[in-house]
Amino acid sequence: MAAATSSSPKSVHDFTVKDAKGNEVDLSIYKGKVLLIVNVASQCGLTNSNYTELAQLYHKYKDHGFEILAFPCNQFGNQEPGSNEEIVQFACTRFKAEYPIFDKVSTFSLF
């Protein structure tokens, strides 16, 4: 995740990130929306309930300015070892995820 400007980011909207296909996404496109930014992992003990509840939340509120931004991370017990393609396939096929899933992140290097 990199800052969209050369100065220190002041808001989540100041960041540019990569989606699961490697495309740059300027988070300013989400200005005016309520965001739930969440780390996800396909092999976590809470995967089933988390992905199910995320899908329900998104379905219920997506037409009311709500967006989920899912960032896979493998740093917590190696619970997300898959490739970006495998992660998207898993979330979209098994849990009908319709919200954006981004490139796997390293949370320890964000700050």
C-alpha atoms as a PDB file:
ATOM      1  CA  MET A   1       0.000   0.000   0.000  1.00  0.00           C
ATOM      2  CA  ALA A   2       1.487   3.322  -1.017  1.00  0.00           C
ATOM      3  CA  ALA A   3       0.455   6.892  -0.443  1.00  0.00           C
ATOM      4  CA  ALA A   4      -1.193   8.579  -3.399  1.00  0.00           C
ATOM      5  CA  THR A   5       0.626  11.827  -2.635  1.00  0.00           C
ATOM      6  CA  SER A   6       4.171  12.601  -1.589  1.00  0.00           C
ATOM      7  CA  SER A   7       3.029  14.045   1.755  1.00  0.00           C
ATOM      8  CA  SER A   8       1.942  11.875   4.647  1.00  0.00           C
ATOM      9  CA  PRO A   9      -1.533  10.446   4.121  1.00  0.00           C
ATOM     10  CA  LYS A  10      -4.211  12.072   6.240  1.00  0.00           C
ATOM     11  CA  SER A  11      -7.060   9.793   5.249  1.00  0.00           C
ATOM     12  CA  VAL A  12      -7.651   6.329   3.840  1.00  0.00           C
ATOM     13  CA  HIS A  13      -8.658   8.147   0.656  1.00  0.00           C
ATOM     14  CA  ASP A  14      -5.041   9.299   0.212  1.00  0.00           C
ATOM     15  CA  PHE A  15      -3.812   5.747  -0.458  1.00  0.00           C
ATOM     16  CA  THR A  16      -3.400   3.822  -3.674  1.00  0.00           C
ATOM     17  CA  VAL A  17      -3.472   0.024  -3.378  1.00  0.00           C
ATOM     18  CA  LYS A  18      -3.396  -2.947  -5.723  1.00  0.00           C
ATOM     19  CA  ASP A  19      -6.398  -5.113  -6.352  1.00  0.00           C
ATOM     20  CA  ALA A  20      -6.130  -8.902  -6.540  1.00  0.00           C
ATOM     21  CA  LYS A  21      -5.301  -8.660 -10.267  1.00  0.00           C
ATOM     22  CA  GLY A  22      -2.444  -6.221  -9.658  1.00  0.00           C
ATOM     23  CA  ASN A  23      -4.260  -3.097 -10.861  1.00  0.00           C
ATOM     24  CA  GLU A  24      -3.700   0.180  -9.001  1.00  0.00           C
ATOM     25  CA  VAL A  25      -6.795   1.412  -7.155  1.00  0.00           C
ATOM     26  CA  ASP A  26      -6.980   4.964  -5.824  1.00  0.00           C
ATOM     27  CA  LEU A  27      -9.027   4.750  -2.635  1.00  0.00           C
ATOM     28  CA  SER A  28     -10.352   8.259  -3.241  1.00  0.00           C
ATOM     29  CA  ILE A  29     -13.004   6.541  -5.385  1.00  0.00           C
ATOM     30  CA  TYR A  30     -14.633   5.526  -2.100  1.00  0.00           C
ATOM     31  CA  LYS A  31     -15.051   9.089  -0.780  1.00  0.00           C
ATOM     32  CA  GLY A  32     -18.534   9.585   0.607  1.00  0.00           C
ATOM     33  CA  LYS A  33     -19.011   5.898   1.403  1.00  0.00           C
ATOM     34  CA  VAL A  34     -18.963   4.108   4.713  1.00  0.00           C
ATOM     35  CA  LEU A  35     -16.020   1.699   4.555  1.00  0.00           C
ATOM     36  CA  LEU A  36     -15.339  -1.522   6.385  1.00  0.00           C
ATOM     37  CA  ILE A  37     -11.674  -2.306   5.769  1.00  0.00           C
ATOM     38  CA  VAL A  38     -10.942  -5.837   6.886  1.00  0.00           C
ATOM     39  CA  ASN A  39      -8.124  -8.374   6.833  1.00  0.00           C
ATOM     40  CA  VAL A  40      -9.313 -11.769   5.623  1.00  0.00           C
ATOM     41  CA  ALA A  41      -7.843 -15.268   5.686  1.00  0.00           C
ATOM     42  CA  SER A  42      -9.277 -18.405   4.095  1.00  0.00           C
ATOM     43  CA  GLN A  43      -7.863 -20.832   6.651  1.00  0.00           C
ATOM     44  CA  CYS A  44      -8.747 -18.979   9.849  1.00  0.00           C
ATOM     45  CA  GLY A  45     -11.001 -20.698  12.372  1.00  0.00           C
ATOM     46  CA  LEU A  46     -13.480 -17.850  11.880  1.00  0.00           C
ATOM     47  CA  THR A  47     -13.423 -17.915   8.077  1.00  0.00           C
ATOM     48  CA  ASN A  48     -16.894 -19.384   7.601  1.00  0.00           C
ATOM     49  CA  SER A  49     -18.641 -16.980   9.958  1.00  0.00           C
ATOM     50  CA  ASN A  50     -16.586 -13.956   8.875  1.00  0.00           C
ATOM     51  CA  TYR A  51     -17.083 -14.396   5.129  1.00  0.00           C
ATOM     52  CA  THR A  52     -20.763 -15.288   5.616  1.00  0.00           C
ATOM     53  CA  GLU A  53     -21.394 -12.187   7.723  1.00  0.00           C
ATOM     54  CA  LEU A  54     -19.406  -9.958   5.368  1.00  0.00           C
ATOM     55  CA  ALA A  55     -21.514 -11.171   2.430  1.00  0.00           C
ATOM     56  CA  GLN A  56     -24.726 -10.533   4.398  1.00  0.00           C
ATOM     57  CA  LEU A  57     -23.603  -7.039   5.431  1.00  0.00           C
ATOM     58  CA  TYR A  58     -22.592  -6.148   1.894  1.00  0.00           C
ATOM     59  CA  HIS A  59     -25.825  -7.437   0.383  1.00  0.00           C
ATOM     60  CA  LYS A  60     -27.908  -5.516   2.944  1.00  0.00           C
ATOM     61  CA  TYR A  61     -26.103  -2.156   2.771  1.00  0.00           C
ATOM     62  CA  LYS A  62     -24.303  -1.927  -0.590  1.00  0.00           C
ATOM     63  CA  ASP A  63     -27.066   0.243  -2.048  1.00  0.00           C
ATOM     64  CA  HIS A  64     -26.822   2.636   0.909  1.00  0.00           C
ATOM     65  CA  GLY A  65     -23.247   3.862   0.463  1.00  0.00           C
ATOM     66  CA  PHE A  66     -21.535   0.958   2.242  1.00  0.00           C
ATOM     67  CA  GLU A  67     -18.428  -0.763   0.888  1.00  0.00           C
ATOM     68  CA  ILE A  68     -16.254  -3.581   2.177  1.00  0.00           C
ATOM     69  CA  LEU A  69     -12.577  -3.556   1.216  1.00  0.00           C
ATOM     70  CA  ALA A  70     -11.062  -6.974   1.916  1.00  0.00           C
ATOM     71  CA  PHE A  71      -7.297  -7.294   2.285  1.00  0.00           C
ATOM     72  CA  PRO A  72      -5.958 -10.861   2.579  1.00  0.00           C
ATOM     73  CA  CYS A  73      -3.052 -11.277   4.968  1.00  0.00           C
ATOM     74  CA  ASN A  74      -0.894 -14.313   5.746  1.00  0.00           C
ATOM     75  CA  GLN A  75       0.913 -12.911   8.796  1.00  0.00           C
ATOM     76  CA  PHE A  76      -1.389 -14.232  11.481  1.00  0.00           C
ATOM     77  CA  GLY A  77      -0.623 -17.934  11.747  1.00  0.00           C
ATOM     78  CA  ASN A  78      -0.071 -18.389   7.996  1.00  0.00           C
ATOM     79  CA  GLN A  79      -3.834 -18.627   7.516  1.00  0.00           C
ATOM     80  CA  GLU A  80      -3.860 -17.131   4.014  1.00  0.00           C
ATOM     81  CA  PRO A  81      -1.250 -19.040   2.004  1.00  0.00           C
ATOM     82  CA  GLY A  82      -3.117 -18.949  -1.320  1.00  0.00           C
ATOM     83  CA  SER A  83      -2.396 -16.819  -4.355  1.00  0.00           C
ATOM     84  CA  ASN A  84      -4.583 -13.804  -5.091  1.00  0.00           C
ATOM     85  CA  GLU A  85      -6.419 -15.831  -7.724  1.00  0.00           C
ATOM     86  CA  GLU A  86      -7.080 -18.661  -5.249  1.00  0.00           C
ATOM     87  CA  ILE A  87      -8.263 -16.214  -2.593  1.00  0.00           C
ATOM     88  CA  VAL A  88     -10.744 -14.519  -4.936  1.00  0.00           C
ATOM     89  CA  GLN A  89     -11.961 -17.892  -6.242  1.00  0.00           C
ATOM     90  CA  PHE A  90     -12.502 -19.126  -2.670  1.00  0.00           C
ATOM     91  CA  ALA A  91     -14.338 -16.013  -1.458  1.00  0.00           C
ATOM     92  CA  CYS A  92     -16.482 -15.535  -4.543  1.00  0.00           C
ATOM     93  CA  THR A  93     -17.377 -19.175  -5.136  1.00  0.00           C
ATOM     94  CA  ARG A  94     -17.875 -20.409  -1.608  1.00  0.00           C
ATOM     95  CA  PHE A  95     -19.205 -17.238   0.018  1.00  0.00           C
ATOM     96  CA  LYS A  96     -20.553 -15.241  -2.942  1.00  0.00           C
ATOM     97  CA  ALA A  97     -18.340 -12.263  -2.083  1.00  0.00           C
ATOM     98  CA  GLU A  98     -19.287  -9.321  -4.302  1.00  0.00           C
ATOM     99  CA  TYR A  99     -17.111  -6.707  -2.603  1.00  0.00           C
ATOM    100  CA  PRO A 100     -13.577  -5.897  -3.767  1.00  0.00           C
ATOM    101  CA  ILE A 101     -10.746  -8.165  -2.664  1.00  0.00           C
ATOM    102  CA  PHE A 102      -7.322  -6.599  -2.859  1.00  0.00           C
ATOM    103  CA  ASP A 103      -3.736  -7.788  -3.156  1.00  0.00           C
ATOM    104  CA  LYS A 104      -2.395  -9.709  -0.183  1.00  0.00           C
ATOM    105  CA  VAL A 105      -0.916  -7.229   2.296  1.00  0.00           C
ATOM    106  CA  SER A 106       1.765  -7.206   4.932  1.00  0.00           C
ATOM    107  CA  THR A 107       0.171  -5.407   7.855  1.00  0.00           C
ATOM    108  CA  PHE A 108       3.474  -5.093   9.689  1.00  0.00           C
ATOM    109  CA  SER A 109       4.899  -2.921   6.919  1.00  0.00           C
ATOM    110  CA  LEU A 110       2.002  -0.471   6.714  1.00  0.00           C
ATOM    111  CA  PHE A 111       3.281   1.868   9.399  1.00  0.00           C
END
